[in-house]
Protein backbone atom coordinates (compact mmCIF):
# COMPACT_ATOMS: atom_id res chain seq x y z
CA MET A 1 0.00 0.00 0.00
CA THR A 2 1.33 3.44 -0.97
CA GLU A 3 1.71 5.71 2.04
CA LYS A 4 -0.11 9.02 1.97
CA ARG A 5 0.93 11.06 4.98
CA GLY A 6 -0.82 13.95 6.67
CA ILE A 7 -0.37 16.18 9.72
CA LEU A 8 -3.33 17.57 11.64
CA VAL A 9 -2.52 20.58 13.84
CA VAL A 10 -5.18 20.90 16.52
CA SER A 11 -5.83 24.13 18.41
CA PHE A 12 -8.59 25.29 20.75
CA GLY A 13 -9.17 28.12 18.28
CA THR A 14 -9.93 31.84 18.49
CA THR A 15 -12.38 34.32 17.00
CA HIS A 16 -9.86 37.15 17.22
CA GLY A 17 -8.31 37.41 13.78
CA ARG A 18 -5.08 39.27 14.59
CA ALA A 19 -4.36 37.15 17.65
CA GLY A 20 -4.94 33.98 15.64
CA GLU A 21 -2.77 35.14 12.75
CA GLU A 22 0.26 35.98 14.90
CA ALA A 23 0.02 32.77 16.94
CA ILE A 24 -1.86 29.88 15.32
CA ASP A 25 -1.31 30.87 11.68
CA ALA A 26 2.37 31.64 12.27
CA LEU A 27 2.86 28.36 14.09
CA GLU A 28 1.17 26.32 11.38
CA ARG A 29 3.31 27.98 8.71
CA GLU A 30 6.48 27.15 10.61
CA LEU A 31 5.40 23.54 11.11
CA ALA A 32 4.53 23.18 7.41
CA GLN A 33 7.89 24.64 6.37
CA SER A 34 9.74 22.31 8.74
CA PHE A 35 8.03 19.16 7.40
CA PRO A 36 7.20 19.85 3.73
CA ASP A 37 6.85 16.17 2.77
CA ARG A 38 3.49 15.87 4.57
CA GLU A 39 0.15 17.57 3.98
CA LEU A 40 -0.61 19.85 6.94
CA ARG A 41 -4.15 20.82 7.91
CA ARG A 42 -5.85 22.41 10.90
CA ALA A 43 -8.70 21.65 13.26
CA PHE A 44 -10.21 23.60 16.17
CA THR A 45 -11.60 21.80 19.21
CA SER A 46 -13.91 24.60 20.42
CA SER A 47 -17.40 24.18 18.95
CA ILE A 48 -18.30 27.73 20.03
CA VAL A 49 -15.32 29.19 18.19
CA ARG A 50 -16.08 27.15 15.08
CA LYS A 51 -19.74 28.24 15.15
CA ARG A 52 -18.86 31.94 15.43
CA LEU A 53 -16.31 31.66 12.64
CA ALA A 54 -18.84 29.84 10.46
CA GLU A 55 -21.22 32.79 10.91
CA ARG A 56 -18.51 34.90 9.29
CA GLY A 57 -18.10 32.39 6.47
CA ILE A 58 -14.91 30.84 7.88
CA LEU A 59 -15.24 27.06 8.04
CA ILE A 60 -12.81 25.27 10.36
CA PRO A 61 -13.35 21.54 10.96
CA GLY A 62 -13.34 19.79 14.30
CA VAL A 63 -11.05 16.80 14.81
CA PRO A 64 -13.53 14.13 13.58
CA GLU A 65 -14.38 16.15 10.45
CA ALA A 66 -10.70 16.73 9.64
CA LEU A 67 -9.88 13.04 10.07
CA GLU A 68 -12.84 12.05 7.91
CA SER A 69 -11.55 14.36 5.19
CA PHE A 70 -8.11 12.71 5.36
CA ARG A 71 -9.73 9.27 5.20
CA LYS A 72 -11.87 10.10 2.16
CA GLU A 73 -8.82 11.39 0.32
CA GLY A 74 -6.93 8.15 0.88
CA TYR A 75 -4.45 9.23 3.55
CA THR A 76 -2.93 6.25 5.34
CA HIS A 77 -0.62 7.76 7.96
CA ILE A 78 -1.75 10.61 10.21
CA TRP A 79 0.15 12.52 12.88
CA ILE A 80 -1.85 14.81 15.17
CA GLN A 81 0.04 17.64 16.83
CA PRO A 82 -1.86 19.65 19.46
CA THR A 83 -1.01 23.26 20.21
CA HIS A 84 -2.39 22.90 23.74
CA LEU A 85 -0.07 24.05 26.49
CA ILE A 86 -0.97 21.41 29.08
CA PRO A 87 -2.42 17.86 29.08
CA GLY A 88 -5.83 19.00 30.35
CA VAL A 89 -9.46 18.51 29.36
CA GLU A 90 -8.98 19.53 25.72
CA TYR A 91 -6.00 17.23 25.29
CA ASP A 92 -7.85 14.31 26.88
CA ARG A 93 -10.79 14.87 24.52
CA LEU A 94 -8.43 15.01 21.54
CA ARG A 95 -6.89 11.67 22.46
CA GLN A 96 -10.33 10.10 22.85
CA GLN A 97 -11.41 11.41 19.45
CA ALA A 98 -8.21 10.18 17.84
CA GLU A 99 -8.59 6.73 19.39
CA ALA A 100 -12.06 6.40 17.83
CA TRP A 101 -10.45 6.90 14.39
CA ARG A 102 -7.37 4.72 14.86
CA GLU A 103 -8.76 1.76 12.89
CA GLN A 104 -9.51 4.00 9.91
CA PHE A 105 -5.81 4.52 9.15
CA ALA A 106 -2.77 2.30 8.81
CA PHE A 107 -1.05 4.56 11.36
CA LEU A 108 -2.25 7.34 13.67
CA LYS A 109 -0.30 9.04 16.44
CA VAL A 110 -1.04 11.95 18.77
CA GLY A 111 1.84 14.22 19.78
CA GLU A 112 2.47 15.90 23.11
CA PRO A 113 1.26 19.29 24.38
CA LEU A 114 3.88 21.96 24.99
CA LEU A 115 4.25 21.10 28.68
CA LEU A 116 4.47 17.43 29.56
CA GLN A 117 8.02 16.32 30.39
CA GLU A 118 10.02 17.98 33.16
CA GLU A 119 12.50 19.36 30.63
CA ASP A 120 9.57 21.03 28.81
CA TYR A 121 8.85 23.13 31.89
CA ASP A 122 12.51 24.05 32.25
CA ARG A 123 12.76 25.22 28.63
CA VAL A 124 9.50 27.16 28.50
CA VAL A 125 10.01 28.91 31.83
CA ALA A 126 13.56 29.91 30.88
CA LEU A 127 12.44 31.29 27.50
CA MET A 128 9.59 33.32 29.00
CA GLN A 129 11.87 34.72 31.70
CA ASP A 130 14.46 35.74 29.11
CA ARG A 131 11.82 37.51 27.01
CA PHE A 132 10.13 39.38 29.86
CA ARG A 133 12.97 40.27 32.22
CA PRO A 134 11.44 43.06 34.42
CA ASP A 135 13.00 46.33 35.56
CA GLY A 136 14.22 46.84 39.12
CA ASP A 137 10.90 48.00 40.60
CA GLU A 138 8.76 45.75 38.39
CA VAL A 139 7.46 42.21 38.61
CA CYS A 140 6.09 40.03 35.83
CA ILE A 141 2.92 38.00 36.40
CA PHE A 142 2.09 35.31 33.84
CA MET A 143 -1.62 34.69 33.40
CA GLY A 144 -2.56 31.07 32.70
CA HIS A 145 -6.03 29.71 32.03
CA GLY A 146 -6.12 27.30 34.96
CA THR A 147 -8.33 24.26 35.22
CA TYR A 148 -10.03 22.05 37.77
CA HIS A 149 -8.57 19.09 35.88
CA THR A 150 -5.58 17.42 37.54
CA ALA A 151 -3.47 19.08 34.85
CA ASN A 152 -3.65 22.29 36.90
CA ARG A 153 -0.50 20.99 38.55
CA ALA A 154 1.27 22.28 35.42
CA TYR A 155 0.86 25.83 36.73
CA GLU A 156 2.06 24.74 40.13
CA LYS A 157 5.16 23.24 38.48
CA ILE A 158 5.81 26.57 36.76
CA GLU A 159 5.31 28.44 40.02
CA LYS A 160 7.83 26.16 41.77
CA ARG A 161 10.42 26.96 39.12
CA LEU A 162 9.76 30.69 39.36
CA GLU A 163 10.17 30.53 43.15
CA LYS A 164 13.77 29.37 42.78
CA GLU A 165 15.02 32.61 41.20
CA PRO A 166 17.03 34.82 43.60
CA GLY A 167 15.33 38.20 44.15
CA ARG A 168 12.20 36.75 42.67
CA ARG A 169 10.46 38.84 39.96
CA PHE A 170 8.26 36.29 38.14
CA PHE A 171 4.93 34.83 39.26
CA MET A 172 2.19 32.62 37.84
CA ALA A 173 -1.54 33.29 38.34
CA THR A 174 -4.55 31.62 36.73
CA VAL A 175 -8.02 32.72 35.69
CA GLU A 176 -9.45 29.43 36.97
CA GLY A 177 -7.81 27.17 39.53
CA ILE A 178 -4.72 28.04 41.55
CA PRO A 179 -2.55 29.99 42.16
CA SER A 180 -4.78 33.11 42.15
CA LEU A 181 -3.81 36.71 41.46
CA GLU A 182 -5.08 37.85 44.87
CA GLU A 183 -2.77 35.40 46.66
CA ILE A 184 0.21 36.77 44.75
CA LEU A 185 -0.69 40.42 45.42
CA ASP A 186 -1.24 39.71 49.10
CA GLY A 187 2.32 38.44 49.18
CA PHE A 188 3.54 41.83 47.90
CA ALA A 189 1.97 43.70 50.83
CA GLY A 190 4.54 45.89 52.50
CA ASP A 191 7.14 45.42 49.75
CA THR A 192 7.91 49.04 48.78
CA GLY A 193 10.37 47.87 46.14
CA ILE A 194 7.54 46.74 43.80
CA ARG A 195 5.81 49.60 41.97
CA LYS A 196 5.06 48.15 38.54
CA ILE A 197 3.40 44.97 37.33
CA LYS A 198 3.69 43.54 33.84
CA LEU A 199 0.88 41.11 32.94
CA VAL A 200 1.72 38.50 30.29
CA PRO A 201 -0.63 35.86 28.85
CA PHE A 202 0.69 32.35 29.42
CA MET A 203 -1.50 31.13 26.58
CA LEU A 204 -0.92 30.28 22.94
CA VAL A 205 -3.28 33.02 21.74
CA ALA A 206 -4.01 36.43 23.28
CA GLY A 207 -7.76 36.01 22.80
CA GLU A 208 -10.79 36.42 25.06
CA HIS A 209 -8.97 35.75 28.31
CA ALA A 210 -6.12 38.14 27.52
CA LEU A 211 -8.37 40.92 26.26
CA HIS A 212 -11.04 40.70 28.95
CA ASP A 213 -9.87 38.69 31.99
CA MET A 214 -6.40 40.21 31.91
CA ALA A 215 -6.56 43.64 30.21
CA GLY A 216 -10.29 44.40 30.42
CA VAL A 217 -11.83 47.48 32.07
CA ASP A 218 -14.08 45.32 34.25
CA ALA A 219 -13.30 45.63 37.96
CA GLN A 220 -12.53 41.88 38.12
CA SER A 221 -9.87 41.91 35.41
CA PHE A 222 -6.24 41.32 36.38
CA ALA A 223 -5.28 44.83 35.25
CA SER A 224 -8.07 46.50 37.25
CA ILE A 225 -7.24 44.53 40.39
CA CYS A 226 -3.54 45.44 40.15
CA LYS A 227 -4.31 49.13 39.54
CA ALA A 228 -6.74 49.16 42.48
CA ARG A 229 -3.84 48.03 44.67
CA GLY A 230 -1.81 51.03 43.50
CA TYR A 231 0.51 49.37 40.98
CA GLU A 232 1.43 50.84 37.63
CA THR A 233 0.26 48.09 35.26
CA GLN A 234 1.27 47.12 31.74
CA CYS A 235 -0.50 44.41 29.70
CA VAL A 236 1.26 42.43 26.98
CA LEU A 237 -1.31 41.49 24.34
CA HIS A 238 0.57 38.78 22.47
CA GLY A 239 0.11 35.04 22.89
CA MET A 240 3.02 32.66 23.28
CA GLY A 241 2.56 31.46 19.71
CA ALA A 242 3.74 34.87 18.54
CA TYR A 243 7.24 34.20 19.87
CA PRO A 244 9.66 32.39 17.50
CA GLU A 245 11.42 30.60 20.36
CA ILE A 246 8.14 29.06 21.54
CA ARG A 247 7.19 28.07 17.99
CA ARG A 248 10.51 26.26 17.70
CA LEU A 249 9.55 24.15 20.72
CA TYR A 250 6.36 23.11 18.89
CA VAL A 251 8.49 22.18 15.87
CA ARG A 252 10.51 20.04 18.24
CA LYS A 253 7.30 18.44 19.55
CA LEU A 254 6.11 17.62 16.04
CA LYS A 255 9.50 16.16 15.17
CA LYS A 256 9.14 13.95 18.23
CA CYS A 257 5.65 12.93 17.11
CA LEU A 258 6.85 12.11 13.57
CA SER A 259 9.86 10.15 14.78
CA GLY A 260 10.00 6.61 16.03
CA ILE A 261 10.30 5.82 19.73
CA PHE A 262 13.46 4.57 21.40
CA TYR A 263 12.71 1.86 23.94
CA GLY A 264 15.09 0.61 26.61
CA ILE A 265 13.88 -2.97 27.15
CA SER A 266 14.86 -4.90 30.26
CA VAL A 267 15.38 -8.58 29.41
CA GLY A 268 16.43 -9.68 32.90
CA PRO A 269 19.29 -12.09 33.66
CA GLY A 270 19.53 -15.74 32.70
CA ALA A 271 17.95 -17.63 29.83
CA GLY A 272 14.91 -15.54 28.95
CA GLY A 273 12.53 -16.63 31.67
CA SER A 274 12.56 -13.18 33.31
CA LEU A 275 11.35 -11.34 30.21
CA THR A 276 8.16 -9.48 31.15
CA LEU A 277 4.97 -9.44 29.11
CA ASP A 278 5.47 -5.74 28.39
CA ALA A 279 9.02 -6.37 27.20
CA ALA A 280 7.94 -9.23 24.91
CA ASP A 281 5.14 -7.11 23.43
CA CYS A 282 7.51 -4.18 22.89
CA ILE A 283 10.11 -6.36 21.15
CA ARG A 284 7.38 -7.75 18.90
CA ARG A 285 6.18 -4.26 17.92
CA CYS A 286 9.58 -2.61 17.41
CA ASP A 287 10.87 -2.27 13.85
CA VAL A 288 14.50 -2.56 14.94
CA LEU A 289 16.06 -4.48 17.83
CA ALA A 290 19.33 -2.94 19.01
CA VAL A 291 21.75 -5.05 21.03
CA PRO A 292 25.02 -3.97 22.68
CA ARG A 293 28.30 -5.65 21.79
CA THR A 294 31.14 -5.46 24.29
CA GLY A 295 33.95 -7.96 24.68
CA ALA A 296 33.35 -11.69 24.98
CA TYR A 297 29.69 -11.27 25.95
CA HIS A 298 28.83 -9.11 22.98
CA THR A 299 25.49 -10.72 22.07
CA ILE A 300 24.25 -12.05 25.39
CA ALA A 301 21.23 -9.70 25.46
CA LEU A 302 20.21 -10.98 22.02
CA SER A 303 20.71 -14.58 23.10
CA ILE A 304 18.39 -14.00 26.08
CA VAL A 305 15.74 -12.58 23.76
CA ARG A 306 16.09 -15.56 21.42
CA ARG A 307 15.79 -18.01 24.29
CA ALA A 308 12.70 -16.14 25.49
CA GLY A 309 11.23 -16.49 22.01
CA GLN A 310 11.88 -20.23 22.09
CA ARG A 311 10.20 -20.55 25.49
CA ILE A 312 7.17 -18.61 24.27
CA GLY A 313 6.95 -21.02 21.36
CA GLU A 314 7.21 -24.04 23.65
CA MET A 315 4.56 -22.72 26.03
CA PHE A 316 2.04 -21.26 23.60
CA GLY A 317 2.89 -22.79 20.24
CA ASP A 318 3.91 -19.44 18.75
CA GLY A 319 7.65 -19.50 18.21
CA GLY A 320 7.46 -16.48 15.93
CA TYR A 321 5.68 -14.21 18.41
CA LEU A 322 8.68 -11.88 18.87
CA GLY A 323 9.18 -11.61 15.09
CA LEU A 324 12.96 -11.90 15.34
CA GLU A 325 13.34 -13.55 11.94
CA GLU A 326 11.86 -10.54 10.14
CA LYS A 327 13.24 -7.88 12.45
CA GLU A 328 16.34 -5.85 11.68
CA ILE A 329 19.06 -6.37 14.30
CA LEU A 330 21.21 -3.32 15.01
CA TYR A 331 24.50 -4.11 16.73
CA LEU A 332 25.84 -1.32 18.93
CA ASP A 333 29.56 -1.59 19.58
CA PHE A 334 30.31 0.00 22.95
CA LEU A 335 33.88 0.80 23.91
CA MET A 336 35.03 -0.54 27.29
CA THR A 337 37.58 2.07 28.35
CA ARG A 338 38.19 4.41 31.28
CA ASP A 339 38.88 7.25 28.82
CA LYS A 340 35.77 9.39 29.30
CA GLU A 341 36.35 11.44 26.15
CA LYS A 342 36.56 8.33 23.97
CA ARG A 343 33.47 6.84 25.62
CA GLU A 344 31.46 9.99 25.03
CA GLU A 345 32.52 10.01 21.39
CA VAL A 346 31.30 6.41 20.98
CA TYR A 347 28.00 7.18 22.73
CA GLN A 348 27.39 10.12 20.41
CA THR A 349 28.17 8.04 17.33
CA LEU A 350 25.80 5.27 18.44
CA ALA A 351 23.06 7.78 19.30
CA GLU A 352 23.36 9.24 15.80
CA LYS A 353 23.11 5.75 14.31
CA VAL A 354 19.91 5.09 16.26
CA SER A 355 18.48 8.52 15.43
CA GLY A 356 18.75 7.69 11.72
CA TYR A 357 16.16 4.96 12.23
CA LEU A 358 14.00 7.16 14.46
CA ASP A 359 13.96 9.95 11.87
CA ASN A 360 12.47 7.45 9.42
CA GLY A 361 9.63 6.75 11.86
CA LYS A 362 10.99 3.37 12.99
CA ASN A 363 10.69 2.29 16.61
CA VAL A 364 13.99 1.03 18.02
CA GLY A 365 14.10 -1.24 21.05
CA MET A 366 17.43 -1.76 22.81
CA ALA A 367 17.67 -5.03 24.75
CA VAL A 368 19.35 -4.49 28.11
CA LEU A 369 20.56 -7.14 30.55
CA GLY A 370 18.87 -7.08 33.93
CA ASP A 371 16.93 -3.86 34.52
CA VAL A 372 17.27 -0.64 32.50
CA SER A 373 17.76 1.46 35.64
CA VAL A 374 20.73 -0.41 37.13
CA TYR A 375 24.17 0.02 35.51
CA ALA A 376 22.56 -0.28 32.07
CA THR A 377 24.27 0.77 28.84
CA VAL A 378 20.94 2.11 27.56
CA SER A 379 21.38 5.21 29.71
CA TYR A 380 24.30 6.33 27.54
CA LEU A 381 22.00 6.54 24.52
CA ALA A 382 18.75 7.51 26.20
CA ALA A 383 20.17 10.78 27.54
CA PRO A 384 21.45 12.26 24.23
CA LEU A 385 18.40 11.00 22.32
CA ARG A 386 16.03 12.60 24.81
CA THR A 387 18.05 15.82 24.68
CA ALA A 388 17.77 15.78 20.88
CA GLY A 389 13.99 15.67 21.19
CA TYR A 390 13.21 12.00 20.59
CA GLU A 391 10.70 10.06 22.65
CA VAL A 392 12.41 7.66 25.05
CA THR A 393 10.55 4.99 27.01
CA LEU A 394 12.12 2.61 29.52
CA LEU A 395 10.55 -0.75 30.39
CA PRO A 396 11.49 -2.13 33.83
CA GLY A 397 12.41 -5.73 34.44
CA VAL A 398 14.11 -8.13 36.84
CA SER A 399 17.42 -6.84 38.18
CA SER A 400 20.27 -9.31 38.42
CA PHE A 401 20.80 -8.87 42.17
CA CYS A 402 17.12 -9.62 42.86
CA ALA A 403 17.39 -12.75 40.71
CA CYS A 404 20.57 -13.76 42.59
CA ALA A 405 18.88 -13.42 45.96
CA ALA A 406 15.94 -15.50 44.72
CA ALA A 407 18.29 -18.16 43.36
CA LEU A 408 19.92 -18.43 46.78
CA GLY A 409 16.53 -18.47 48.47
CA ARG A 410 17.39 -15.43 50.54
CA SER A 411 15.87 -12.01 51.18
CA LEU A 412 17.95 -8.95 50.43
CA THR A 413 16.60 -6.87 53.31
CA SER A 414 14.81 -6.98 56.63
CA MET A 415 11.71 -4.93 57.37
CA ALA A 416 13.52 -1.67 58.15
CA GLY A 417 17.04 -2.31 56.93
CA PRO A 418 18.61 -0.26 54.11
CA LEU A 419 20.10 -1.87 50.99
CA HIS A 420 23.28 -0.61 49.33
CA ILE A 421 24.13 -1.42 45.70
CA ILE A 422 27.88 -1.09 45.21
CA PRO A 423 29.99 -1.51 42.06
CA ALA A 424 32.92 -3.65 43.22
CA GLY A 425 36.30 -2.05 42.74
CA TYR A 426 35.26 1.58 42.83
CA GLU A 427 37.12 3.98 45.10
CA GLY A 428 34.50 4.14 47.85
CA THR A 429 33.89 0.41 48.19
CA ARG A 430 35.42 0.14 51.68
CA GLU A 431 33.41 3.10 52.99
CA SER A 432 30.18 1.77 51.44
CA LEU A 433 30.69 -1.65 52.98
CA GLY A 434 30.94 0.03 56.36
CA LEU A 435 27.42 1.40 56.15
CA ALA A 436 24.58 -0.18 58.11
CA GLY A 437 22.32 -2.57 56.23
CA SER A 438 22.63 -5.20 53.51
CA LYS A 439 25.03 -4.81 50.60
CA VAL A 440 25.17 -6.03 47.02
CA LEU A 441 28.48 -5.95 45.18
CA MET A 442 27.86 -5.76 41.43
CA LYS A 443 30.40 -6.34 38.65
CA SER A 444 32.60 -8.31 41.02
CA GLY A 445 34.20 -10.65 38.49
CA ARG A 446 37.23 -8.59 37.53
CA HIS A 447 37.86 -7.55 41.13
CA LEU A 448 37.04 -10.80 42.92
CA PRO A 449 40.43 -11.54 44.58
CA GLU A 450 40.80 -8.03 46.05
CA THR A 451 37.11 -7.94 46.96
CA LYS A 452 37.40 -11.18 48.92
CA GLN A 453 40.46 -9.83 50.71
CA LEU A 454 38.62 -6.62 51.59
CA LEU A 455 35.66 -8.59 52.96
CA LYS A 456 38.01 -10.62 55.16
CA GLU A 457 39.63 -7.44 56.50
CA MET A 458 36.24 -5.97 57.35
CA GLY A 459 34.87 -9.15 58.93
CA LEU A 460 32.20 -9.59 56.25
CA TYR A 461 33.62 -12.63 54.44
CA GLU A 462 31.77 -15.27 56.46
CA ARG A 463 28.37 -13.59 55.92
CA ALA A 464 28.75 -13.19 52.16
CA SER A 465 27.27 -15.39 49.42
CA MET A 466 27.82 -15.23 45.67
CA VAL A 467 26.18 -16.05 42.35
CA LYS A 468 27.90 -16.32 38.98
CA ASP A 469 26.01 -16.25 35.66
CA CYS A 470 22.62 -16.09 37.33
CA GLY A 471 19.97 -18.04 35.43
CA MET A 472 22.35 -19.27 32.74
CA GLU A 473 23.46 -22.83 32.06
CA THR A 474 26.79 -21.95 33.69
CA GLN A 475 25.17 -20.62 36.87
CA GLU A 476 27.08 -21.16 40.12
CA LEU A 477 25.51 -20.69 43.55
CA CYS A 478 27.92 -20.13 46.43
CA TRP A 479 26.20 -19.87 49.81
CA GLY A 480 29.65 -19.18 51.21
CA LEU A 481 32.60 -17.61 49.39
CA ASP A 482 34.78 -20.63 50.21
CA GLU A 483 32.64 -22.60 47.74
CA ASP A 484 33.96 -20.49 44.86
CA THR A 485 35.39 -22.54 41.98
CA GLU A 486 37.66 -19.63 41.02
CA ARG A 487 36.13 -19.60 37.51
CA ASN A 488 36.24 -16.01 36.31
CA SER A 489 32.92 -14.49 35.24
CA TYR A 490 31.99 -10.89 34.55
CA PHE A 491 28.49 -11.67 35.86
CA THR A 492 29.49 -12.20 39.48
CA THR A 493 27.34 -10.75 42.26
CA ILE A 494 28.13 -10.87 45.98
CA LEU A 495 25.35 -10.53 48.56
CA ILE A 496 26.09 -9.51 52.14
CA PRO A 497 23.15 -9.52 54.59
CA GLU A 498 23.07 -7.03 57.43
CA ASP A 499 24.53 -8.13 60.72
CA GLY A 500 22.29 -10.49 62.68
CA GLU A 501 20.45 -12.04 59.73
């Protein structure tokens, strides 16, 4: 089937022509210029706005009507990019509407609002502060819409970031929800250093709320309330969509929507039995399976996935469930060196290799031994990919030290005891072993002789147990370190229970 690809840009909408032109129209033009290989169209979610525009002869479709138009014209792949600021009521409704149309297209994906990830808040707040840096006797109050939806926490997140600035001059107030303008002004009481207030819409479009709730002559408007308190007040009547730096963030969001997703997939230790249902489903759906190659164990993550596929076949009669035969395997050659500069260079090269697939809309899953959050190579790629604007999702799994404890039939902790995870051989190993609680020594293989000696010196040797190659055919269980066969294995984990267990 020939792909026919379209982008639907979804806004709440506005009846104010100039405000819409400088924000929504300008944003749509920039998005269309950035991604010229796809047909870009618009939809407004507000039925009231669409009705009023229709009375003027301006017909703007809602989301269902726009999707129906794409369907009738034979479009197969649709990306929906909202211009909403927060994941509130309008965004929830958009996702519900999109879900109802998912079966009508070969592919349909909804992008993120402007503020969703923590880094989104950092970027947007920094850009707005740079643009509206106040004078010495002035403060800047951003006016957000506010909502009684749980998404109102977005404004609270912004407020928390604004609070951190020394000699604070920025504040966030909302028309609906919290924080309120009155609360902010009450906090100024007695501060003779504040004489001016600049009011700025924290909204895509400077429409009804900006013109009436913020700058209106009504006694309840933000401007009237500030003036009644004796402050010289200035109103900025431009929405955030009018600012090029904010529009570039929406371009970044659409790029993220159009790109594939990078998944860090925990495969657990052993022979595939610890692969979770979510991990198996993700591997099956990914276009590309990336596997790290380092030293003698360069394909062990892939071997675990293959063994898991075999076990799925044996249990359910579907040996092809993971789709490994048809899937492209991407080998990632990591460099094992203490030279940080060389490591960073390799990480960047590998991230660029992965991003080539993501730019083509392919989902890439990277198989990771154990759990993605514990000493996992995936972190070296996830960070630069996320910074570059790609979507990164991590799937948790069984960590090796938990599997080792289970194999020995022992608990890692008591009810109130702490647990310390320590990479054997690092500079602070002795100090870490002296802490109260249970300890796990990871990556012990290359440092086993000196680690054993250290444990003897600290009186911990007799309490320690050890597992090599947990879950593999070569697994060794040592309830005491004297049982060690001296066979060297990178996958060696030492467990030390807290005193008294």
